[in-house]
Amino acid sequence: MTSRSAARPTSRDVAQLAGVSQSTVSLVLAGKWAGRVSAATAETVQEAAARLGYRPNQAARSLRLGRTRTVLLVLPTLSSPFFGALYTGAARVAAEHGFRIVVYPWPDGSGPADSPFAAPQEAIDGLLASSMAVEALSEFAGTPVVMLDSDPAGAAPTVDFDVADGMRRVARHVLGLGHRYVGHVAAGVDEWTFRSRGRALVETVVAAGGRLTRAATAIDVAAARDAAAGLLDRPERPTVLVCDDDQIAAGAYKAARTLGLEVPADVSITGFDDILLATALEPELTTVRLPAEELGAVGMATLLDLLEGGSPPSRSLPGELIVRDSTAPPP
């Protein structure tokens, strides 16, 4: 009969094989050895753990720390590929540190977010919330929180994209092509990220002597098609449509084709986010690539720092302008 020790190696087994104390094993495998243990000793411990196939008993560790090792990720929707990538990044970092993530969709405009647990302070260690106001999380008062893609003016640490810079890059690109009449197909959502994009676009276009017309829409292809058609179906139409989102840009493509306009010969179109849809469109879409998976990963790392008693600063991740064939000089 196989002994329990043989079935599941313990930290004592790792310590004996490595020739160190159990406390040293704990420091190394918890990632807290820097400045306390030499790099050579840490490597010896890690090699011993790998040879034995040792895996920490997370249930026991959770009881010892008084933690559930669970993080709640609150998202405005599960239908967007952007939030799927965000989750992937957060879950990867969480798993590396023995945490699990529970995803909870909370649509914008629904009021304060309810907890899916009877006692949120007992069920989760921390909270990641994307694209929403921290005020909406009143039920989670006292729970460590990191806000993603949210207003950095709040008290909670934030990890954001520099969306204003991304939109300025879009504006400078189309202005550099010669466009001076810009149509803005804007997300009709009162969120920090879209307000920031709109302000940056207006400021950049006006500063260059251009003019701008705006139409608001839901983040939905059909709704965006109607909003874009309203801008294009006029005697003097914009020569470029700058869209707040790639799904909105897809609607703008539909509007152009319905009106018999070619992209980009008759009207240029840009998006924002660089989801897979951007390269499925024909011609492929000029857009701003936002590293959603990195946002989730950095957000989770920031929350872990907070849970360990740190004071992590807010961070802003840069976007990248991806120029494709949907933009050209005006007709």
C-alpha atoms as a PDB file:
ATOM      1  CA  MET A   1       0.000   0.000   0.000  1.00  0.00           C
ATOM      2  CA  THR A   2       1.362   3.425  -0.929  1.00  0.00           C
ATOM      3  CA  SER A   3       2.119   5.647   2.071  1.00  0.00           C
ATOM      4  CA  ARG A   4       0.603   9.098   2.373  1.00  0.00           C
ATOM      5  CA  SER A   5       4.116  10.600   2.276  1.00  0.00           C
ATOM      6  CA  ALA A   6       4.831   8.874  -1.046  1.00  0.00           C
ATOM      7  CA  ALA A   7       1.454   9.875  -2.455  1.00  0.00           C
ATOM      8  CA  ARG A   8       1.860  13.565  -1.639  1.00  0.00           C
ATOM      9  CA  PRO A   9       5.307  15.024  -0.914  1.00  0.00           C
ATOM     10  CA  THR A  10       5.376  17.556   1.929  1.00  0.00           C
ATOM     11  CA  SER A  11       7.368  20.726   2.497  1.00  0.00           C
ATOM     12  CA  ARG A  12       9.405  18.698   5.017  1.00  0.00           C
ATOM     13  CA  ASP A  13      10.384  16.338   2.190  1.00  0.00           C
ATOM     14  CA  VAL A  14      11.464  19.292   0.055  1.00  0.00           C
ATOM     15  CA  ALA A  15      13.456  20.758   2.962  1.00  0.00           C
ATOM     16  CA  GLN A  16      15.264  17.445   3.563  1.00  0.00           C
ATOM     17  CA  LEU A  17      16.140  17.001  -0.117  1.00  0.00           C
ATOM     18  CA  ALA A  18      17.344  20.609  -0.451  1.00  0.00           C
ATOM     19  CA  GLY A  19      19.174  20.582   2.886  1.00  0.00           C
ATOM     20  CA  VAL A  20      17.341  23.651   4.218  1.00  0.00           C
ATOM     21  CA  SER A  21      14.719  24.467   6.829  1.00  0.00           C
ATOM     22  CA  GLN A  22      10.967  24.275   6.200  1.00  0.00           C
ATOM     23  CA  SER A  23      10.729  28.027   6.730  1.00  0.00           C
ATOM     24  CA  THR A  24      13.186  28.523   3.879  1.00  0.00           C
ATOM     25  CA  VAL A  25      11.063  26.269   1.670  1.00  0.00           C
ATOM     26  CA  SER A  26       7.986  28.329   2.557  1.00  0.00           C
ATOM     27  CA  LEU A  27       9.730  31.612   1.707  1.00  0.00           C
ATOM     28  CA  VAL A  28      11.000  30.344  -1.642  1.00  0.00           C
ATOM     29  CA  LEU A  29       7.794  28.686  -2.798  1.00  0.00           C
ATOM     30  CA  ALA A  30       5.741  31.727  -1.750  1.00  0.00           C
ATOM     31  CA  GLY A  31       8.021  33.945  -3.853  1.00  0.00           C
ATOM     32  CA  LYS A  32       9.168  35.942  -0.803  1.00  0.00           C
ATOM     33  CA  TRP A  33      12.813  34.880  -0.702  1.00  0.00           C
ATOM     34  CA  ALA A  34      14.420  37.982  -2.236  1.00  0.00           C
ATOM     35  CA  GLY A  35      16.684  39.639   0.329  1.00  0.00           C
ATOM     36  CA  ARG A  36      16.221  36.716   2.760  1.00  0.00           C
ATOM     37  CA  VAL A  37      17.580  33.703   0.878  1.00  0.00           C
ATOM     38  CA  SER A  38      20.380  33.509  -1.684  1.00  0.00           C
ATOM     39  CA  ALA A  39      19.484  32.942  -5.317  1.00  0.00           C
ATOM     40  CA  ALA A  40      21.445  29.679  -5.260  1.00  0.00           C
ATOM     41  CA  THR A  41      19.469  28.385  -2.278  1.00  0.00           C
ATOM     42  CA  ALA A  42      16.185  29.418  -3.894  1.00  0.00           C
ATOM     43  CA  GLU A  43      17.151  27.520  -7.043  1.00  0.00           C
ATOM     44  CA  THR A  44      18.044  24.435  -4.977  1.00  0.00           C
ATOM     45  CA  VAL A  45      14.652  24.525  -3.237  1.00  0.00           C
ATOM     46  CA  GLN A  46      12.788  24.960  -6.514  1.00  0.00           C
ATOM     47  CA  GLU A  47      14.677  22.061  -8.095  1.00  0.00           C
ATOM     48  CA  ALA A  48      13.929  19.837  -5.088  1.00  0.00           C
ATOM     49  CA  ALA A  49      10.232  20.703  -5.237  1.00  0.00           C
ATOM     50  CA  ALA A  50      10.161  19.950  -8.960  1.00  0.00           C
ATOM     51  CA  ARG A  51      11.936  16.600  -8.500  1.00  0.00           C
ATOM     52  CA  LEU A  52       9.479  15.540  -5.818  1.00  0.00           C
ATOM     53  CA  GLY A  53       6.451  16.898  -7.653  1.00  0.00           C
ATOM     54  CA  TYR A  54       5.610  18.961  -4.559  1.00  0.00           C
ATOM     55  CA  ARG A  55       2.530  21.196  -4.743  1.00  0.00           C
ATOM     56  CA  PRO A  56       1.539  23.424  -1.795  1.00  0.00           C
ATOM     57  CA  ASN A  57      -1.637  22.497   0.047  1.00  0.00           C
ATOM     58  CA  GLN A  58      -3.598  25.631  -0.791  1.00  0.00           C
ATOM     59  CA  ALA A  59      -6.530  24.740   1.462  1.00  0.00           C
ATOM     60  CA  ALA A  60      -4.267  24.542   4.501  1.00  0.00           C
ATOM     61  CA  ARG A  61      -2.444  27.704   3.487  1.00  0.00           C
ATOM     62  CA  SER A  62      -5.722  29.548   3.091  1.00  0.00           C
ATOM     63  CA  LEU A  63      -6.810  28.560   6.589  1.00  0.00           C
ATOM     64  CA  ARG A  64      -3.459  29.674   7.950  1.00  0.00           C
ATOM     65  CA  LEU A  65      -3.730  33.080   6.276  1.00  0.00           C
ATOM     66  CA  GLY A  66      -7.437  33.531   6.946  1.00  0.00           C
ATOM     67  CA  ARG A  67      -8.053  33.840   3.204  1.00  0.00           C
ATOM     68  CA  THR A  68     -10.250  32.175   0.621  1.00  0.00           C
ATOM     69  CA  ARG A  69      -7.690  32.819  -2.157  1.00  0.00           C
ATOM     70  CA  THR A  70     -10.602  33.860  -4.357  1.00  0.00           C
ATOM     71  CA  VAL A  71     -10.926  37.067  -6.372  1.00  0.00           C
ATOM     72  CA  LEU A  72     -14.160  38.369  -7.867  1.00  0.00           C
ATOM     73  CA  LEU A  73     -13.802  39.826 -11.373  1.00  0.00           C
ATOM     74  CA  VAL A  74     -16.710  42.163 -12.156  1.00  0.00           C
ATOM     75  CA  LEU A  75     -17.266  42.871 -15.873  1.00  0.00           C
ATOM     76  CA  PRO A  76     -19.939  44.874 -17.714  1.00  0.00           C
ATOM     77  CA  THR A  77     -20.558  42.040 -20.207  1.00  0.00           C
ATOM     78  CA  LEU A  78     -19.391  38.563 -21.161  1.00  0.00           C
ATOM     79  CA  SER A  79     -20.134  38.975 -24.872  1.00  0.00           C
ATOM     80  CA  SER A  80     -17.121  41.118 -25.798  1.00  0.00           C
ATOM     81  CA  PRO A  81     -13.892  39.367 -26.855  1.00  0.00           C
ATOM     82  CA  PHE A  82     -12.025  42.158 -25.073  1.00  0.00           C
ATOM     83  CA  PHE A  83     -13.228  40.980 -21.657  1.00  0.00           C
ATOM     84  CA  GLY A  84     -12.436  37.380 -22.502  1.00  0.00           C
ATOM     85  CA  ALA A  85      -8.807  38.354 -23.089  1.00  0.00           C
ATOM     86  CA  LEU A  86      -8.805  40.434 -19.905  1.00  0.00           C
ATOM     87  CA  TYR A  87      -9.998  37.409 -17.924  1.00  0.00           C
ATOM     88  CA  THR A  88      -7.318  35.205 -19.511  1.00  0.00           C
ATOM     89  CA  GLY A  89      -4.546  37.506 -18.306  1.00  0.00           C
ATOM     90  CA  ALA A  90      -5.961  37.854 -14.805  1.00  0.00           C
ATOM     91  CA  ALA A  91      -6.592  34.116 -14.445  1.00  0.00           C
ATOM     92  CA  ARG A  92      -3.055  33.250 -15.547  1.00  0.00           C
ATOM     93  CA  VAL A  93      -1.448  35.436 -12.864  1.00  0.00           C
ATOM     94  CA  ALA A  94      -3.994  34.301 -10.263  1.00  0.00           C
ATOM     95  CA  ALA A  95      -3.216  30.627 -10.937  1.00  0.00           C
ATOM     96  CA  GLU A  96       0.517  31.270 -10.646  1.00  0.00           C
ATOM     97  CA  HIS A  97      -0.118  32.453  -7.079  1.00  0.00           C
ATOM     98  CA  GLY A  98      -2.661  29.844  -6.043  1.00  0.00           C
ATOM     99  CA  PHE A  99      -5.714  32.076  -6.471  1.00  0.00           C
ATOM    100  CA  ARG A 100      -8.891  31.433  -8.408  1.00  0.00           C
ATOM    101  CA  ILE A 101     -11.160  33.945 -10.110  1.00  0.00           C
ATOM    102  CA  VAL A 102     -14.942  34.067 -10.068  1.00  0.00           C
ATOM    103  CA  VAL A 103     -16.363  36.114 -12.965  1.00  0.00           C
ATOM    104  CA  TYR A 104     -19.478  38.177 -12.302  1.00  0.00           C
ATOM    105  CA  PRO A 105     -21.131  40.201 -15.092  1.00  0.00           C
ATOM    106  CA  TRP A 106     -22.670  43.487 -14.003  1.00  0.00           C
ATOM    107  CA  PRO A 107     -24.155  45.518 -16.895  1.00  0.00           C
ATOM    108  CA  ASP A 108     -23.537  49.264 -16.933  1.00  0.00           C
ATOM    109  CA  GLY A 109     -26.399  51.335 -15.580  1.00  0.00           C
ATOM    110  CA  SER A 110     -27.794  48.584 -13.361  1.00  0.00           C
ATOM    111  CA  GLY A 111     -27.072  50.428 -10.123  1.00  0.00           C
ATOM    112  CA  PRO A 112     -24.825  49.239  -7.291  1.00  0.00           C
ATOM    113  CA  ALA A 113     -23.314  45.828  -7.975  1.00  0.00           C
ATOM    114  CA  ASP A 114     -24.766  43.056  -5.810  1.00  0.00           C
ATOM    115  CA  SER A 115     -22.530  40.308  -4.511  1.00  0.00           C
ATOM    116  CA  PRO A 116     -23.176  36.772  -5.800  1.00  0.00           C
ATOM    117  CA  PHE A 117     -22.207  35.600  -2.292  1.00  0.00           C
ATOM    118  CA  ALA A 118     -24.181  35.728   0.945  1.00  0.00           C
ATOM    119  CA  ALA A 119     -21.267  37.433   2.717  1.00  0.00           C
ATOM    120  CA  PRO A 120     -18.820  38.951   0.213  1.00  0.00           C
ATOM    121  CA  GLN A 121     -16.243  39.868   2.838  1.00  0.00           C
ATOM    122  CA  GLU A 122     -16.032  36.191   3.842  1.00  0.00           C
ATOM    123  CA  ALA A 123     -16.158  34.705   0.335  1.00  0.00           C
ATOM    124  CA  ILE A 124     -13.494  36.738  -1.481  1.00  0.00           C
ATOM    125  CA  ASP A 125     -10.115  38.232  -0.691  1.00  0.00           C
ATOM    126  CA  GLY A 126     -10.219  40.965  -3.299  1.00  0.00           C
ATOM    127  CA  LEU A 127     -12.018  42.490  -6.217  1.00  0.00           C
ATOM    128  CA  LEU A 128     -11.073  43.362  -9.796  1.00  0.00           C
ATOM    129  CA  ALA A 129     -13.643  45.557 -11.533  1.00  0.00           C
ATOM    130  CA  SER A 130     -13.432  46.679 -15.140  1.00  0.00           C
ATOM    131  CA  SER A 131     -14.986  49.615 -16.967  1.00  0.00           C
ATOM    132  CA  MET A 132     -17.199  50.876 -14.156  1.00  0.00           C
ATOM    133  CA  ALA A 133     -17.293  53.460 -11.394  1.00  0.00           C
ATOM    134  CA  VAL A 134     -15.945  52.462  -7.996  1.00  0.00           C
ATOM    135  CA  GLU A 135     -19.133  53.920  -6.466  1.00  0.00           C
ATOM    136  CA  ALA A 136     -21.059  51.035  -8.009  1.00  0.00           C
ATOM    137  CA  LEU A 137     -19.213  48.631  -5.701  1.00  0.00           C
ATOM    138  CA  SER A 138     -20.681  49.945  -2.445  1.00  0.00           C
ATOM    139  CA  GLU A 139     -21.731  46.469  -1.312  1.00  0.00           C
ATOM    140  CA  PHE A 140     -18.072  45.454  -1.274  1.00  0.00           C
ATOM    141  CA  ALA A 141     -16.948  48.276   1.044  1.00  0.00           C
ATOM    142  CA  GLY A 142     -13.841  47.215   2.926  1.00  0.00           C
ATOM    143  CA  THR A 143     -12.797  44.631   0.325  1.00  0.00           C
ATOM    144  CA  PRO A 144      -9.441  45.379  -1.379  1.00  0.00           C
ATOM    145  CA  VAL A 145     -10.204  46.492  -4.935  1.00  0.00           C
ATOM    146  CA  VAL A 146      -8.285  47.334  -8.098  1.00  0.00           C
ATOM    147  CA  MET A 147     -10.153  49.105 -10.893  1.00  0.00           C
ATOM    148  CA  LEU A 148      -9.398  48.277 -14.542  1.00  0.00           C
ATOM    149  CA  ASP A 149     -10.003  50.636 -17.455  1.00  0.00           C
ATOM    150  CA  SER A 150     -11.766  52.957 -15.020  1.00  0.00           C
ATOM    151  CA  ASP A 151     -11.472  56.560 -13.853  1.00  0.00           C
ATOM    152  CA  PRO A 152      -8.016  56.968 -12.252  1.00  0.00           C
ATOM    153  CA  ALA A 153      -9.293  59.874 -10.144  1.00  0.00           C
ATOM    154  CA  GLY A 154     -10.833  57.473  -7.602  1.00  0.00           C
ATOM    155  CA  ALA A 155      -9.286  56.316  -4.330  1.00  0.00           C
ATOM    156  CA  ALA A 156      -8.699  52.712  -5.469  1.00  0.00           C
ATOM    157  CA  PRO A 157      -5.566  51.754  -7.442  1.00  0.00           C
ATOM    158  CA  THR A 158      -6.288  51.605 -11.172  1.00  0.00           C
ATOM    159  CA  VAL A 159      -4.723  49.921 -14.165  1.00  0.00           C
ATOM    160  CA  ASP A 160      -5.851  51.700 -17.311  1.00  0.00           C
ATOM    161  CA  PHE A 161      -5.087  52.121 -20.960  1.00  0.00           C
ATOM    162  CA  ASP A 162      -3.873  55.486 -22.160  1.00  0.00           C
ATOM    163  CA  VAL A 163      -6.955  55.759 -24.361  1.00  0.00           C
ATOM    164  CA  ALA A 164      -6.581  59.516 -24.789  1.00  0.00           C
ATOM    165  CA  ASP A 165      -3.158  59.034 -26.353  1.00  0.00           C
ATOM    166  CA  GLY A 166      -4.543  56.240 -28.522  1.00  0.00           C
ATOM    167  CA  MET A 167      -7.298  58.487 -29.852  1.00  0.00           C
ATOM    168  CA  ARG A 168      -4.841  61.308 -30.462  1.00  0.00           C
ATOM    169  CA  ARG A 169      -2.797  58.876 -32.567  1.00  0.00           C
ATOM    170  CA  VAL A 170      -5.897  58.024 -34.611  1.00  0.00           C
ATOM    171  CA  ALA A 171      -6.735  61.701 -35.091  1.00  0.00           C
ATOM    172  CA  ARG A 172      -3.198  62.607 -36.146  1.00  0.00           C
ATOM    173  CA  HIS A 173      -3.171  59.703 -38.597  1.00  0.00           C
ATOM    174  CA  VAL A 174      -6.355  60.753 -40.396  1.00  0.00           C
ATOM    175  CA  LEU A 175      -5.436  64.430 -40.258  1.00  0.00           C
ATOM    176  CA  GLY A 176      -2.059  63.529 -41.756  1.00  0.00           C
ATOM    177  CA  LEU A 177      -3.877  61.864 -44.640  1.00  0.00           C
ATOM    178  CA  GLY A 178      -5.627  65.168 -45.331  1.00  0.00           C
ATOM    179  CA  HIS A 179      -9.019  64.650 -43.659  1.00  0.00           C
ATOM    180  CA  ARG A 180     -10.541  67.804 -42.174  1.00  0.00           C
ATOM    181  CA  TYR A 181     -14.190  66.785 -41.694  1.00  0.00           C
ATOM    182  CA  VAL A 182     -14.368  64.004 -39.134  1.00  0.00           C
ATOM    183  CA  GLY A 183     -17.438  62.044 -38.130  1.00  0.00           C
ATOM    184  CA  HIS A 184     -17.237  60.591 -34.631  1.00  0.00           C
ATOM    185  CA  VAL A 185     -19.385  57.469 -34.153  1.00  0.00           C
ATOM    186  CA  ALA A 186     -19.253  57.543 -30.378  1.00  0.00           C
ATOM    187  CA  ALA A 187     -20.216  54.933 -27.794  1.00  0.00           C
ATOM    188  CA  GLY A 188     -23.291  56.240 -26.015  1.00  0.00           C
ATOM    189  CA  VAL A 189     -22.021  54.942 -22.685  1.00  0.00           C
ATOM    190  CA  ASP A 190     -21.176  57.268 -19.814  1.00  0.00           C
ATOM    191  CA  GLU A 191     -17.832  55.705 -18.906  1.00  0.00           C
ATOM    192  CA  TRP A 192     -14.466  57.289 -18.240  1.00  0.00           C
ATOM    193  CA  THR A 193     -12.806  55.492 -21.154  1.00  0.00           C
ATOM    194  CA  PHE A 194     -15.252  56.824 -23.770  1.00  0.00           C
ATOM    195  CA  ARG A 195     -15.321  60.329 -22.308  1.00  0.00           C
ATOM    196  CA  SER A 196     -11.515  60.369 -22.523  1.00  0.00           C
ATOM    197  CA  ARG A 197     -11.536  59.203 -26.141  1.00  0.00           C
ATOM    198  CA  GLY A 198     -14.088  61.819 -27.126  1.00  0.00           C
ATOM    199  CA  ARG A 199     -12.228  64.703 -25.487  1.00  0.00           C
ATOM    200  CA  ALA A 200      -8.923  63.720 -27.072  1.00  0.00           C
ATOM    201  CA  LEU A 201     -10.493  63.469 -30.531  1.00  0.00           C
ATOM    202  CA  VAL A 202     -12.223  66.842 -30.332  1.00  0.00           C
ATOM    203  CA  GLU A 203      -9.134  68.613 -29.000  1.00  0.00           C
ATOM    204  CA  THR A 204      -6.840  67.163 -31.663  1.00  0.00           C
ATOM    205  CA  VAL A 205      -9.169  67.824 -34.602  1.00  0.00           C
ATOM    206  CA  VAL A 206     -10.010  71.373 -33.521  1.00  0.00           C
ATOM    207  CA  ALA A 207      -6.348  72.199 -32.850  1.00  0.00           C
ATOM    208  CA  ALA A 208      -5.572  71.191 -36.453  1.00  0.00           C
ATOM    209  CA  GLY A 209      -8.316  73.424 -37.836  1.00  0.00           C
ATOM    210  CA  GLY A 210     -10.664  70.561 -38.650  1.00  0.00           C
ATOM    211  CA  ARG A 211     -14.325  70.110 -37.738  1.00  0.00           C
ATOM    212  CA  LEU A 212     -16.170  67.246 -36.178  1.00  0.00           C
ATOM    213  CA  THR A 213     -19.723  65.902 -36.128  1.00  0.00           C
ATOM    214  CA  ARG A 214     -20.765  63.346 -33.523  1.00  0.00           C
ATOM    215  CA  ALA A 215     -23.401  60.602 -33.457  1.00  0.00           C
ATOM    216  CA  ALA A 216     -23.896  58.419 -30.362  1.00  0.00           C
ATOM    217  CA  THR A 217     -24.693  54.711 -30.525  1.00  0.00           C
ATOM    218  CA  ALA A 218     -24.926  51.597 -28.420  1.00  0.00           C
ATOM    219  CA  ILE A 219     -21.938  49.261 -28.768  1.00  0.00           C
ATOM    220  CA  ASP A 220     -23.810  47.117 -31.235  1.00  0.00           C
ATOM    221  CA  VAL A 221     -23.303  46.585 -34.966  1.00  0.00           C
ATOM    222  CA  ALA A 222     -26.916  47.276 -35.976  1.00  0.00           C
ATOM    223  CA  ALA A 223     -27.208  50.397 -33.821  1.00  0.00           C
ATOM    224  CA  ALA A 224     -23.836  51.658 -35.060  1.00  0.00           C
ATOM    225  CA  ARG A 225     -24.927  51.115 -38.671  1.00  0.00           C
ATOM    226  CA  ASP A 226     -27.897  53.429 -38.123  1.00  0.00           C
ATOM    227  CA  ALA A 227     -25.799  56.069 -36.332  1.00  0.00           C
ATOM    228  CA  ALA A 228     -23.112  56.022 -39.031  1.00  0.00           C
ATOM    229  CA  ALA A 229     -25.742  56.195 -41.791  1.00  0.00           C
ATOM    230  CA  GLY A 230     -27.066  59.373 -40.200  1.00  0.00           C
ATOM    231  CA  LEU A 231     -23.634  60.970 -40.610  1.00  0.00           C
ATOM    232  CA  LEU A 232     -23.024  59.701 -44.142  1.00  0.00           C
ATOM    233  CA  ASP A 233     -26.477  60.282 -45.630  1.00  0.00           C
ATOM    234  CA  ARG A 234     -26.222  64.060 -45.880  1.00  0.00           C
ATOM    235  CA  PRO A 235     -25.282  66.462 -48.686  1.00  0.00           C
ATOM    236  CA  GLU A 236     -21.896  67.199 -47.125  1.00  0.00           C
ATOM    237  CA  ARG A 237     -20.673  64.116 -45.347  1.00  0.00           C
ATOM    238  CA  PRO A 238     -17.535  63.482 -43.268  1.00  0.00           C
ATOM    239  CA  THR A 239     -14.637  62.007 -45.204  1.00  0.00           C
ATOM    240  CA  VAL A 240     -13.660  59.774 -42.290  1.00  0.00           C
ATOM    241  CA  LEU A 241     -15.613  58.047 -39.512  1.00  0.00           C
ATOM    242  CA  VAL A 242     -13.660  57.636 -36.276  1.00  0.00           C
ATOM    243  CA  CYS A 243     -15.353  54.932 -34.177  1.00  0.00           C
ATOM    244  CA  ASP A 244     -14.982  54.366 -30.440  1.00  0.00           C
ATOM    245  CA  ASP A 245     -14.906  50.584 -30.812  1.00  0.00           C
ATOM    246  CA  ASP A 246     -14.274  47.936 -33.464  1.00  0.00           C
ATOM    247  CA  GLN A 247     -17.860  46.648 -33.268  1.00  0.00           C
ATOM    248  CA  ILE A 248     -19.057  50.195 -33.913  1.00  0.00           C
ATOM    249  CA  ALA A 249     -16.676  50.352 -36.883  1.00  0.00           C
ATOM    250  CA  ALA A 250     -18.266  47.166 -38.278  1.00  0.00           C
ATOM    251  CA  GLY A 251     -21.609  48.952 -38.184  1.00  0.00           C
ATOM    252  CA  ALA A 252     -20.038  51.907 -40.000  1.00  0.00           C
ATOM    253  CA  TYR A 253     -18.850  49.545 -42.749  1.00  0.00           C
ATOM    254  CA  LYS A 254     -22.415  48.301 -43.159  1.00  0.00           C
ATOM    255  CA  ALA A 255     -23.733  51.861 -43.375  1.00  0.00           C
ATOM    256  CA  ALA A 256     -21.199  52.783 -46.037  1.00  0.00           C
ATOM    257  CA  ARG A 257     -21.985  49.741 -48.166  1.00  0.00           C
ATOM    258  CA  THR A 258     -25.752  50.325 -47.826  1.00  0.00           C
ATOM    259  CA  LEU A 259     -25.270  53.856 -49.160  1.00  0.00           C
ATOM    260  CA  GLY A 260     -23.111  52.633 -52.040  1.00  0.00           C
ATOM    261  CA  LEU A 261     -19.871  54.025 -50.598  1.00  0.00           C
ATOM    262  CA  GLU A 262     -16.543  52.223 -50.822  1.00  0.00           C
ATOM    263  CA  VAL A 263     -14.114  52.009 -47.894  1.00  0.00           C
ATOM    264  CA  PRO A 264     -11.682  53.784 -48.067  1.00  0.00           C
ATOM    265  CA  ALA A 265     -12.147  55.275 -51.573  1.00  0.00           C
ATOM    266  CA  ASP A 266     -15.253  57.237 -50.531  1.00  0.00           C
ATOM    267  CA  VAL A 267     -14.948  57.241 -46.740  1.00  0.00           C
ATOM    268  CA  SER A 268     -12.215  56.125 -44.370  1.00  0.00           C
ATOM    269  CA  ILE A 269     -13.130  54.294 -41.152  1.00  0.00           C
ATOM    270  CA  THR A 270     -11.165  53.663 -37.952  1.00  0.00           C
ATOM    271  CA  GLY A 271     -11.873  51.570 -34.855  1.00  0.00           C
ATOM    272  CA  PHE A 272     -10.504  51.054 -31.359  1.00  0.00           C
ATOM    273  CA  ASP A 273      -9.441  47.894 -29.410  1.00  0.00           C
ATOM    274  CA  ASP A 274      -8.125  45.646 -32.246  1.00  0.00           C
ATOM    275  CA  ILE A 275     -10.279  42.625 -31.496  1.00  0.00           C
ATOM    276  CA  LEU A 276     -10.338  39.730 -33.996  1.00  0.00           C
ATOM    277  CA  LEU A 277     -13.149  41.431 -35.895  1.00  0.00           C
ATOM    278  CA  ALA A 278     -10.699  44.108 -37.054  1.00  0.00           C
ATOM    279  CA  THR A 279      -8.960  41.719 -39.442  1.00  0.00           C
ATOM    280  CA  ALA A 280     -12.180  39.928 -40.431  1.00  0.00           C
ATOM    281  CA  LEU A 281     -13.507  43.137 -41.986  1.00  0.00           C
ATOM    282  CA  GLU A 282     -12.709  43.896 -45.610  1.00  0.00           C
ATOM    283  CA  PRO A 283     -10.677  46.008 -45.990  1.00  0.00           C
ATOM    284  CA  GLU A 284      -8.955  45.299 -42.678  1.00  0.00           C
ATOM    285  CA  LEU A 285      -9.534  47.970 -40.065  1.00  0.00           C
ATOM    286  CA  THR A 286      -7.176  50.714 -38.932  1.00  0.00           C
ATOM    287  CA  THR A 287      -7.536  50.679 -35.154  1.00  0.00           C
ATOM    288  CA  VAL A 288      -5.797  51.040 -31.786  1.00  0.00           C
ATOM    289  CA  ARG A 289      -4.539  47.827 -30.238  1.00  0.00           C
ATOM    290  CA  LEU A 290      -5.195  47.661 -26.515  1.00  0.00           C
ATOM    291  CA  PRO A 291      -3.430  44.762 -24.753  1.00  0.00           C
ATOM    292  CA  ALA A 292      -6.464  43.406 -22.897  1.00  0.00           C
ATOM    293  CA  GLU A 293      -4.690  40.291 -21.647  1.00  0.00           C
ATOM    294  CA  GLU A 294      -1.887  42.431 -20.238  1.00  0.00           C
ATOM    295  CA  LEU A 295      -4.478  44.645 -18.531  1.00  0.00           C
ATOM    296  CA  GLY A 296      -5.883  41.607 -16.714  1.00  0.00           C
ATOM    297  CA  ALA A 297      -2.433  40.319 -15.797  1.00  0.00           C
ATOM    298  CA  VAL A 298      -1.152  43.636 -14.471  1.00  0.00           C
ATOM    299  CA  GLY A 299      -4.434  44.228 -12.663  1.00  0.00           C
ATOM    300  CA  MET A 300      -4.206  40.873 -10.887  1.00  0.00           C
ATOM    301  CA  ALA A 301      -0.558  41.469  -9.967  1.00  0.00           C
ATOM    302  CA  THR A 302      -1.532  44.866  -8.555  1.00  0.00           C
ATOM    303  CA  LEU A 303      -4.287  43.284  -6.472  1.00  0.00           C
ATOM    304  CA  LEU A 304      -1.886  40.654  -5.124  1.00  0.00           C
ATOM    305  CA  ASP A 305       0.476  43.460  -4.099  1.00  0.00           C
ATOM    306  CA  LEU A 306      -2.421  45.173  -2.321  1.00  0.00           C
ATOM    307  CA  LEU A 307      -3.373  41.950  -0.537  1.00  0.00           C
ATOM    308  CA  GLU A 308       0.201  41.579   0.712  1.00  0.00           C
ATOM    309  CA  GLY A 309      -0.009  44.991   2.369  1.00  0.00           C
ATOM    310  CA  GLY A 310       1.634  46.995  -0.395  1.00  0.00           C
ATOM    311  CA  SER A 311       0.602  50.391  -1.745  1.00  0.00           C
ATOM    312  CA  PRO A 312       0.696  49.793  -5.506  1.00  0.00           C
ATOM    313  CA  PRO A 313       0.593  52.891  -7.708  1.00  0.00           C
ATOM    314  CA  SER A 314      -1.946  53.309 -10.475  1.00  0.00           C
ATOM    315  CA  ARG A 315      -0.636  52.374 -13.903  1.00  0.00           C
ATOM    316  CA  SER A 316      -1.439  53.282 -17.494  1.00  0.00           C
ATOM    317  CA  LEU A 317      -0.676  50.903 -20.359  1.00  0.00           C
ATOM    318  CA  PRO A 318       0.036  52.315 -23.825  1.00  0.00           C
ATOM    319  CA  GLY A 319      -1.982  51.405 -26.893  1.00  0.00           C
ATOM    320  CA  GLU A 320      -0.600  50.965 -30.397  1.00  0.00           C
ATOM    321  CA  LEU A 321      -1.976  52.454 -33.602  1.00  0.00           C
ATOM    322  CA  ILE A 322      -2.368  49.686 -36.186  1.00  0.00           C
ATOM    323  CA  VAL A 323      -2.695  51.178 -39.665  1.00  0.00           C
ATOM    324  CA  ARG A 324      -4.479  48.939 -42.171  1.00  0.00           C
ATOM    325  CA  ASP A 325      -6.353  49.469 -45.429  1.00  0.00           C
ATOM    326  CA  SER A 326      -9.525  51.149 -44.138  1.00  0.00           C
ATOM    327  CA  THR A 327      -7.897  54.590 -44.185  1.00  0.00           C
ATOM    328  CA  ALA A 328      -6.690  56.601 -47.162  1.00  0.00           C
ATOM    329  CA  PRO A 329      -6.586  60.260 -48.256  1.00  0.00           C
ATOM    330  CA  PRO A 330     -10.030  61.864 -48.664  1.00  0.00           C
ATOM    331  CA  PRO A 331     -11.711  61.675 -52.094  1.00  0.00           C
END
